[in-house]
């Protein structure tokens, strides 16, 4: 069983989006810098490692779903969810 906000399909997709936005921000800052910035370059490399790892986890999850033919996860009750909606 997959756990919301940890290892569900939506979590991996959400994190990939977030990490790519962070990478794009660092690239923007680096491209607009007047001089070489090794700190920003390292941040970009780190983001690339995180993105690669998340992509691998997502591919593994999709392989699991396709091989098992099902996707099991714990349903999450939202804090402000109304009953019977």
PDB file of N, CA and C in Angstrom:
ATOM      1  N   UNK A   1       0.844  -1.191   0.000  1.00  0.00           N
ATOM      2  CA  UNK A   1       0.000   0.000   0.000  1.00  0.00           C
ATOM      3  C   UNK A   1       0.886   1.250   0.000  1.00  0.00           C
ATOM      4  N   UNK A   2       0.538   2.144  -0.856  1.00  0.00           N
ATOM      5  CA  UNK A   2       1.272   3.403  -0.950  1.00  0.00           C
ATOM      6  C   UNK A   2       0.703   4.411   0.043  1.00  0.00           C
ATOM      7  N   UNK A   3       1.572   5.271   0.561  1.00  0.00           N
ATOM      8  CA  UNK A   3       1.197   6.234   1.597  1.00  0.00           C
ATOM      9  C   UNK A   3       1.161   7.641   0.998  1.00  0.00           C
ATOM     10  N   UNK A   4       0.024   8.348   1.133  1.00  0.00           N
ATOM     11  CA  UNK A   4      -0.051   9.723   0.613  1.00  0.00           C
ATOM     12  C   UNK A   4       1.077  10.596   1.173  1.00  0.00           C
ATOM     13  N   UNK A   5       1.586  11.475   0.353  1.00  0.00           N
ATOM     14  CA  UNK A   5       2.670  12.408   0.686  1.00  0.00           C
ATOM     15  C   UNK A   5       4.004  11.722   0.937  1.00  0.00           C
ATOM     16  N   UNK A   6       4.102  10.431   0.576  1.00  0.00           N
ATOM     17  CA  UNK A   6       5.368   9.723   0.715  1.00  0.00           C
ATOM     18  C   UNK A   6       5.755   9.017  -0.581  1.00  0.00           C
ATOM     19  N   UNK A   7       4.937   8.066  -1.020  1.00  0.00           N
ATOM     20  CA  UNK A   7       5.337   7.270  -2.178  1.00  0.00           C
ATOM     21  C   UNK A   7       4.196   6.972  -3.144  1.00  0.00           C
ATOM     22  N   UNK A   8       3.257   7.884  -3.247  1.00  0.00           N
ATOM     23  CA  UNK A   8       2.166   7.712  -4.206  1.00  0.00           C
ATOM     24  C   UNK A   8       2.530   8.368  -5.540  1.00  0.00           C
ATOM     25  N   UNK A   9       1.794   8.003  -6.557  1.00  0.00           N
ATOM     26  CA  UNK A   9       2.008   8.556  -7.892  1.00  0.00           C
ATOM     27  C   UNK A   9       1.921  10.081  -7.869  1.00  0.00           C
ATOM     28  N   UNK A  10       0.897  10.604  -7.230  1.00  0.00           N
ATOM     29  CA  UNK A  10       0.725  12.063  -7.199  1.00  0.00           C
ATOM     30  C   UNK A  10       1.857  12.757  -6.452  1.00  0.00           C
ATOM     31  N   UNK A  11       2.402  12.112  -5.430  1.00  0.00           N
ATOM     32  CA  UNK A  11       3.511  12.696  -4.678  1.00  0.00           C
ATOM     33  C   UNK A  11       4.754  12.819  -5.552  1.00  0.00           C
ATOM     34  N   UNK A  12       5.065  11.742  -6.297  1.00  0.00           N
ATOM     35  CA  UNK A  12       6.244  11.790  -7.159  1.00  0.00           C
ATOM     36  C   UNK A  12       6.096  12.847  -8.247  1.00  0.00           C
ATOM     37  N   UNK A  13       4.928  12.949  -8.843  1.00  0.00           N
ATOM     38  CA  UNK A  13       4.704  13.952  -9.885  1.00  0.00           C
ATOM     39  C   UNK A  13       4.805  15.360  -9.299  1.00  0.00           C
ATOM     40  N   UNK A  14       4.212  15.567  -8.130  1.00  0.00           N
ATOM     41  CA  UNK A  14       4.274  16.867  -7.463  1.00  0.00           C
ATOM     42  C   UNK A  14       5.720  17.253  -7.161  1.00  0.00           C
ATOM     43  N   UNK A  15       6.478  16.317  -6.585  1.00  0.00           N
ATOM     44  CA  UNK A  15       7.874  16.608  -6.254  1.00  0.00           C
ATOM     45  C   UNK A  15       8.704  16.884  -7.496  1.00  0.00           C
ATOM     46  N   UNK A  16       8.452  16.141  -8.580  1.00  0.00           N
ATOM     47  CA  UNK A  16       9.182  16.414  -9.821  1.00  0.00           C
ATOM     48  C   UNK A  16       8.928  17.834 -10.307  1.00  0.00           C
ATOM     49  N   UNK A  17       7.693  18.263 -10.231  1.00  0.00           N
ATOM     50  CA  UNK A  17       7.354  19.641 -10.625  1.00  0.00           C
ATOM     51  C   UNK A  17       8.095  20.646  -9.756  1.00  0.00           C
ATOM     52  N   UNK A  18       8.040  20.451  -8.459  1.00  0.00           N
ATOM     53  CA  UNK A  18       8.677  21.380  -7.523  1.00  0.00           C
ATOM     54  C   UNK A  18      10.185  21.442  -7.752  1.00  0.00           C
ATOM     55  N   UNK A  19      10.821  20.282  -7.872  1.00  0.00           N
ATOM     56  CA  UNK A  19      12.278  20.252  -8.030  1.00  0.00           C
ATOM     57  C   UNK A  19      12.707  20.853  -9.364  1.00  0.00           C
ATOM     58  N   UNK A  20      11.908  20.689 -10.416  1.00  0.00           N
ATOM     59  CA  UNK A  20      12.225  21.311 -11.694  1.00  0.00           C
ATOM     60  C   UNK A  20      12.067  22.825 -11.641  1.00  0.00           C
ATOM     61  N   UNK A  21      11.086  23.309 -10.906  1.00  0.00           N
ATOM     62  CA  UNK A  21      10.930  24.762 -10.730  1.00  0.00           C
ATOM     63  C   UNK A  21      12.133  25.319  -9.972  1.00  0.00           C
ATOM     64  N   UNK A  22      12.568  24.622  -8.941  1.00  0.00           N
ATOM     65  CA  UNK A  22      13.753  25.074  -8.199  1.00  0.00           C
ATOM     66  C   UNK A  22      14.977  25.114  -9.099  1.00  0.00           C
ATOM     67  N   UNK A  23      15.162  24.076  -9.906  1.00  0.00           N
ATOM     68  CA  UNK A  23      16.297  24.045 -10.837  1.00  0.00           C
ATOM     69  C   UNK A  23      16.216  25.221 -11.812  1.00  0.00           C
ATOM     70  N   UNK A  24      15.034  25.464 -12.367  1.00  0.00           N
ATOM     71  CA  UNK A  24      14.859  26.572 -13.302  1.00  0.00           C
ATOM     72  C   UNK A  24      15.189  27.908 -12.639  1.00  0.00           C
ATOM     73  N   UNK A  25      14.831  28.054 -11.377  1.00  0.00           N
ATOM     74  CA  UNK A  25      15.137  29.282 -10.642  1.00  0.00           C
ATOM     75  C   UNK A  25      16.652  29.471 -10.519  1.00  0.00           C
ATOM     76  N   UNK A  26      17.357  28.396 -10.158  1.00  0.00           N
ATOM     77  CA  UNK A  26      18.819  28.485 -10.036  1.00  0.00           C
ATOM     78  C   UNK A  26      19.465  28.790 -11.382  1.00  0.00           C
ATOM     79  N   UNK A  27      18.955  28.186 -12.457  1.00  0.00           N
ATOM     80  CA  UNK A  27      19.485  28.454 -13.794  1.00  0.00           C
ATOM     81  C   UNK A  27      19.258  29.920 -14.161  1.00  0.00           C
ATOM     82  N   UNK A  28      18.076  30.431 -13.868  1.00  0.00           N
ATOM     83  CA  UNK A  28      17.769  31.839 -14.135  1.00  0.00           C
ATOM     84  C   UNK A  28      18.747  32.751 -13.394  1.00  0.00           C
ATOM     85  N   UNK A  29      18.968  32.457 -12.119  1.00  0.00           N
ATOM     86  CA  UNK A  29      19.899  33.280 -11.346  1.00  0.00           C
ATOM     87  C   UNK A  29      21.314  33.214 -11.911  1.00  0.00           C
ATOM     88  N   UNK A  30      21.733  32.016 -12.300  1.00  0.00           N
ATOM     89  CA  UNK A  30      23.079  31.847 -12.850  1.00  0.00           C
ATOM     90  C   UNK A  30      23.222  32.580 -14.178  1.00  0.00           C
ATOM     91  N   UNK A  31      22.228  32.468 -15.036  1.00  0.00           N
ATOM     92  CA  UNK A  31      22.291  33.118 -16.339  1.00  0.00           C
ATOM     93  C   UNK A  31      22.291  34.641 -16.228  1.00  0.00           C
ATOM     94  N   UNK A  32      21.733  35.157 -15.152  1.00  0.00           N
ATOM     95  CA  UNK A  32      21.674  36.606 -14.952  1.00  0.00           C
ATOM     96  C   UNK A  32      22.748  37.119 -14.010  1.00  0.00           C
ATOM     97  N   UNK A  33      23.658  36.251 -13.645  1.00  0.00           N
ATOM     98  CA  UNK A  33      24.766  36.634 -12.787  1.00  0.00           C
ATOM     99  C   UNK A  33      25.864  37.268 -13.641  1.00  0.00           C
ATOM    100  N   UNK A  34      26.543  38.217 -13.074  1.00  0.00           N
ATOM    101  CA  UNK A  34      27.601  38.910 -13.809  1.00  0.00           C
ATOM    102  C   UNK A  34      28.892  38.109 -13.845  1.00  0.00           C
ATOM    103  N   UNK A  35      29.021  37.147 -12.970  1.00  0.00           N
ATOM    104  CA  UNK A  35      30.230  36.328 -12.940  1.00  0.00           C
ATOM    105  C   UNK A  35      29.872  34.880 -12.632  1.00  0.00           C
ATOM    106  N   UNK A  36      30.808  34.002 -12.838  1.00  0.00           N
ATOM    107  CA  UNK A  36      30.604  32.574 -12.575  1.00  0.00           C
ATOM    108  C   UNK A  36      30.283  32.386 -11.087  1.00  0.00           C
ATOM    109  N   UNK A  37      29.261  31.611 -10.823  1.00  0.00           N
ATOM    110  CA  UNK A  37      28.829  31.385  -9.445  1.00  0.00           C
ATOM    111  C   UNK A  37      28.845  29.884  -9.166  1.00  0.00           C
ATOM    112  N   UNK A  38      29.889  29.432  -8.491  1.00  0.00           N
ATOM    113  CA  UNK A  38      30.046  27.999  -8.242  1.00  0.00           C
ATOM    114  C   UNK A  38      28.979  27.460  -7.277  1.00  0.00           C
ATOM    115  N   UNK A  39      28.463  28.301  -6.418  1.00  0.00           N
ATOM    116  CA  UNK A  39      27.414  27.866  -5.487  1.00  0.00           C
ATOM    117  C   UNK A  39      26.141  27.537  -6.268  1.00  0.00           C
ATOM    118  N   UNK A  40      25.763  28.422  -7.183  1.00  0.00           N
ATOM    119  CA  UNK A  40      24.580  28.163  -8.004  1.00  0.00           C
ATOM    120  C   UNK A  40      24.791  26.948  -8.904  1.00  0.00           C
ATOM    121  N   UNK A  41      25.974  26.804  -9.451  1.00  0.00           N
ATOM    122  CA  UNK A  41      26.266  25.640 -10.288  1.00  0.00           C
ATOM    123  C   UNK A  41      26.107  24.347  -9.493  1.00  0.00           C
ATOM    124  N   UNK A  42      26.558  24.342  -8.259  1.00  0.00           N
ATOM    125  CA  UNK A  42      26.407  23.162  -7.402  1.00  0.00           C
ATOM    126  C   UNK A  42      24.936  22.913  -7.065  1.00  0.00           C
ATOM    127  N   UNK A  43      24.182  23.963  -6.838  1.00  0.00           N
ATOM    128  CA  UNK A  43      22.747  23.804  -6.572  1.00  0.00           C
ATOM    129  C   UNK A  43      22.034  23.187  -7.778  1.00  0.00           C
ATOM    130  N   UNK A  44      22.430  23.590  -8.971  1.00  0.00           N
ATOM    131  CA  UNK A  44      21.834  23.030 -10.183  1.00  0.00           C
ATOM    132  C   UNK A  44      22.178  21.549 -10.303  1.00  0.00           C
ATOM    133  N   UNK A  45      23.447  21.203 -10.054  1.00  0.00           N
ATOM    134  CA  UNK A  45      23.850  19.796 -10.105  1.00  0.00           C
ATOM    135  C   UNK A  45      23.087  18.969  -9.071  1.00  0.00           C
ATOM    136  N   UNK A  46      22.909  19.521  -7.883  1.00  0.00           N
ATOM    137  CA  UNK A  46      22.167  18.814  -6.830  1.00  0.00           C
ATOM    138  C   UNK A  46      20.712  18.606  -7.242  1.00  0.00           C
ATOM    139  N   UNK A  47      20.106  19.629  -7.829  1.00  0.00           N
ATOM    140  CA  UNK A  47      18.723  19.495  -8.305  1.00  0.00           C
ATOM    141  C   UNK A  47      18.622  18.409  -9.363  1.00  0.00           C
ATOM    142  N   UNK A  48      19.606  18.344 -10.248  1.00  0.00           N
ATOM    143  CA  UNK A  48      19.601  17.322 -11.290  1.00  0.00           C
ATOM    144  C   UNK A  48      19.657  15.923 -10.688  1.00  0.00           C
ATOM    145  N   UNK A  49      20.444  15.744  -9.628  1.00  0.00           N
ATOM    146  CA  UNK A  49      20.514  14.445  -8.938  1.00  0.00           C
ATOM    147  C   UNK A  49      19.168  14.093  -8.305  1.00  0.00           C
ATOM    148  N   UNK A  50      18.547  15.071  -7.671  1.00  0.00           N
ATOM    149  CA  UNK A  50      17.242  14.842  -7.041  1.00  0.00           C
ATOM    150  C   UNK A  50      16.203  14.486  -8.092  1.00  0.00           C
ATOM    151  N   UNK A  51      16.187  15.223  -9.198  1.00  0.00           N
ATOM    152  CA  UNK A  51      15.231  14.976 -10.280  1.00  0.00           C
ATOM    153  C   UNK A  51      15.446  13.580 -10.867  1.00  0.00           C
ATOM    154  N   UNK A  52      16.702  13.206 -11.101  1.00  0.00           N
ATOM    155  CA  UNK A  52      16.994  11.871 -11.629  1.00  0.00           C
ATOM    156  C   UNK A  52      16.480  10.779 -10.682  1.00  0.00           C
ATOM    157  N   UNK A  53      16.701  10.956  -9.375  1.00  0.00           N
ATOM    158  CA  UNK A  53      16.255   9.970  -8.391  1.00  0.00           C
ATOM    159  C   UNK A  53      14.731   9.882  -8.355  1.00  0.00           C
ATOM    160  N   UNK A  54      14.064  11.023  -8.414  1.00  0.00           N
ATOM    161  CA  UNK A  54      12.597  11.025  -8.421  1.00  0.00           C
ATOM    162  C   UNK A  54      12.046  10.375  -9.689  1.00  0.00           C
ATOM    163  N   UNK A  55      12.682  10.640 -10.822  1.00  0.00           N
ATOM    164  CA  UNK A  55      12.247  10.018 -12.067  1.00  0.00           C
ATOM    165  C   UNK A  55      12.382   8.501 -11.992  1.00  0.00           C
ATOM    166  N   UNK A  56      13.471   8.026 -11.400  1.00  0.00           N
ATOM    167  CA  UNK A  56      13.669   6.588 -11.242  1.00  0.00           C
ATOM    168  C   UNK A  56      12.589   5.988 -10.343  1.00  0.00           C
ATOM    169  N   UNK A  57      12.281   6.657  -9.247  1.00  0.00           N
ATOM    170  CA  UNK A  57      11.224   6.175  -8.351  1.00  0.00           C
ATOM    171  C   UNK A  57       9.873   6.133  -9.066  1.00  0.00           C
ATOM    172  N   UNK A  58       9.603   7.145  -9.868  1.00  0.00           N
ATOM    173  CA  UNK A  58       8.342   7.197 -10.607  1.00  0.00           C
ATOM    174  C   UNK A  58       8.264   6.058 -11.635  1.00  0.00           C
ATOM    175  N   UNK A  59       9.357   5.818 -12.350  1.00  0.00           N
ATOM    176  CA  UNK A  59       9.385   4.720 -13.318  1.00  0.00           C
ATOM    177  C   UNK A  59       9.194   3.380 -12.609  1.00  0.00           C
ATOM    178  N   UNK A  60       9.858   3.196 -11.469  1.00  0.00           N
ATOM    179  CA  UNK A  60       9.695   1.961 -10.708  1.00  0.00           C
ATOM    180  C   UNK A  60       8.252   1.764 -10.261  1.00  0.00           C
ATOM    181  N   UNK A  61       7.622   2.832  -9.814  1.00  0.00           N
ATOM    182  CA  UNK A  61       6.227   2.744  -9.387  1.00  0.00           C
ATOM    183  C   UNK A  61       5.323   2.386 -10.565  1.00  0.00           C
ATOM    184  N   UNK A  62       5.537   3.032 -11.704  1.00  0.00           N
ATOM    185  CA  UNK A  62       4.724   2.731 -12.880  1.00  0.00           C
ATOM    186  C   UNK A  62       4.936   1.289 -13.343  1.00  0.00           C
ATOM    187  N   UNK A  63       6.173   0.806 -13.295  1.00  0.00           N
ATOM    188  CA  UNK A  63       6.443  -0.602 -13.626  1.00  0.00           C
ATOM    189  C   UNK A  63       5.693  -1.535 -12.687  1.00  0.00           C
ATOM    190  N   UNK A  64       5.704  -1.194 -11.397  1.00  0.00           N
ATOM    191  CA  UNK A  64       4.988  -2.006 -10.400  1.00  0.00           C
ATOM    192  C   UNK A  64       3.487  -2.028 -10.686  1.00  0.00           C
ATOM    193  N   UNK A  65       2.949  -0.876 -10.977  1.00  0.00           N
ATOM    194  CA  UNK A  65       1.512  -0.778 -11.269  1.00  0.00           C
ATOM    195  C   UNK A  65       1.162  -1.613 -12.506  1.00  0.00           C
ATOM    196  N   UNK A  66       1.967  -1.490 -13.548  1.00  0.00           N
ATOM    197  CA  UNK A  66       1.693  -2.228 -14.781  1.00  0.00           C
ATOM    198  C   UNK A  66       1.873  -3.735 -14.599  1.00  0.00           C
ATOM    199  N   UNK A  67       2.880  -4.138 -13.843  1.00  0.00           N
ATOM    200  CA  UNK A  67       3.117  -5.573 -13.669  1.00  0.00           C
ATOM    201  C   UNK A  67       2.061  -6.225 -12.775  1.00  0.00           C
ATOM    202  N   UNK A  68       1.602  -5.504 -11.749  1.00  0.00           N
ATOM    203  CA  UNK A  68       0.575  -6.038 -10.848  1.00  0.00           C
ATOM    204  C   UNK A  68      -0.835  -5.825 -11.386  1.00  0.00           C
ATOM    205  N   UNK A  69      -0.993  -4.850 -12.251  1.00  0.00           N
ATOM    206  CA  UNK A  69      -2.311  -4.549 -12.790  1.00  0.00           C
ATOM    207  C   UNK A  69      -3.221  -3.843 -11.805  1.00  0.00           C
ATOM    208  N   UNK A  70      -2.636  -3.286 -10.754  1.00  0.00           N
ATOM    209  CA  UNK A  70      -3.436  -2.544  -9.770  1.00  0.00           C
ATOM    210  C   UNK A  70      -2.550  -1.527  -9.045  1.00  0.00           C
ATOM    211  N   UNK A  71      -3.210  -0.578  -8.439  1.00  0.00           N
ATOM    212  CA  UNK A  71      -2.527   0.487  -7.698  1.00  0.00           C
ATOM    213  C   UNK A  71      -3.232   0.632  -6.365  1.00  0.00           C
ATOM    214  N   UNK A  72      -2.566   0.219  -5.321  1.00  0.00           N
ATOM    215  CA  UNK A  72      -3.169   0.259  -3.992  1.00  0.00           C
ATOM    216  C   UNK A  72      -2.529   1.370  -3.156  1.00  0.00           C
ATOM    217  N   UNK A  73      -3.374   2.150  -2.543  1.00  0.00           N
ATOM    218  CA  UNK A  73      -2.882   3.237  -1.694  1.00  0.00           C
ATOM    219  C   UNK A  73      -3.881   3.465  -0.567  1.00  0.00           C
ATOM    220  N   UNK A  74      -3.387   4.042   0.505  1.00  0.00           N
ATOM    221  CA  UNK A  74      -4.260   4.403   1.615  1.00  0.00           C
ATOM    222  C   UNK A  74      -5.016   5.669   1.243  1.00  0.00           C
ATOM    223  N   UNK A  75      -6.324   5.653   1.407  1.00  0.00           N
ATOM    224  CA  UNK A  75      -7.102   6.863   1.190  1.00  0.00           C
ATOM    225  C   UNK A  75      -6.811   7.839   2.316  1.00  0.00           C
ATOM    226  N   UNK A  76      -6.731   9.068   1.976  1.00  0.00           N
ATOM    227  CA  UNK A  76      -6.396  10.084   2.975  1.00  0.00           C
ATOM    228  C   UNK A  76      -7.613  10.943   3.267  1.00  0.00           C
ATOM    229  N   UNK A  77      -7.961  11.049   4.521  1.00  0.00           N
ATOM    230  CA  UNK A  77      -9.051  11.934   4.933  1.00  0.00           C
ATOM    231  C   UNK A  77      -8.448  13.320   5.116  1.00  0.00           C
ATOM    232  N   UNK A  78      -8.940  14.257   4.361  1.00  0.00           N
ATOM    233  CA  UNK A  78      -8.421  15.621   4.411  1.00  0.00           C
ATOM    234  C   UNK A  78      -8.928  16.323   5.660  1.00  0.00           C
ATOM    235  N   UNK A  79      -8.167  17.255   6.158  1.00  0.00           N
ATOM    236  CA  UNK A  79      -8.489  17.946   7.399  1.00  0.00           C
ATOM    237  C   UNK A  79      -9.840  18.632   7.350  1.00  0.00           C
ATOM    238  N   UNK A  80     -10.143  19.297   6.250  1.00  0.00           N
ATOM    239  CA  UNK A  80     -11.380  20.063   6.165  1.00  0.00           C
ATOM    240  C   UNK A  80     -12.391  19.424   5.215  1.00  0.00           C
ATOM    241  N   UNK A  81     -12.272  18.128   4.997  1.00  0.00           N
ATOM    242  CA  UNK A  81     -13.176  17.421   4.101  1.00  0.00           C
ATOM    243  C   UNK A  81     -14.548  17.275   4.758  1.00  0.00           C
ATOM    244  N   UNK A  82     -15.583  17.601   4.003  1.00  0.00           N
ATOM    245  CA  UNK A  82     -16.936  17.432   4.494  1.00  0.00           C
ATOM    246  C   UNK A  82     -17.397  16.023   4.207  1.00  0.00           C
ATOM    247  N   UNK A  83     -18.214  15.498   5.057  1.00  0.00           N
ATOM    248  CA  UNK A  83     -18.743  14.145   4.867  1.00  0.00           C
ATOM    249  C   UNK A  83     -19.671  14.098   3.667  1.00  0.00           C
ATOM    250  N   UNK A  84     -19.697  12.956   2.983  1.00  0.00           N
ATOM    251  CA  UNK A  84     -20.611  12.678   1.877  1.00  0.00           C
ATOM    252  C   UNK A  84     -20.471  13.639   0.695  1.00  0.00           C
ATOM    253  N   UNK A  85     -19.295  14.153   0.467  1.00  0.00           N
ATOM    254  CA  UNK A  85     -19.080  15.017  -0.710  1.00  0.00           C
ATOM    255  C   UNK A  85     -18.269  14.256  -1.718  1.00  0.00           C
TER     256      UNK A  85
END
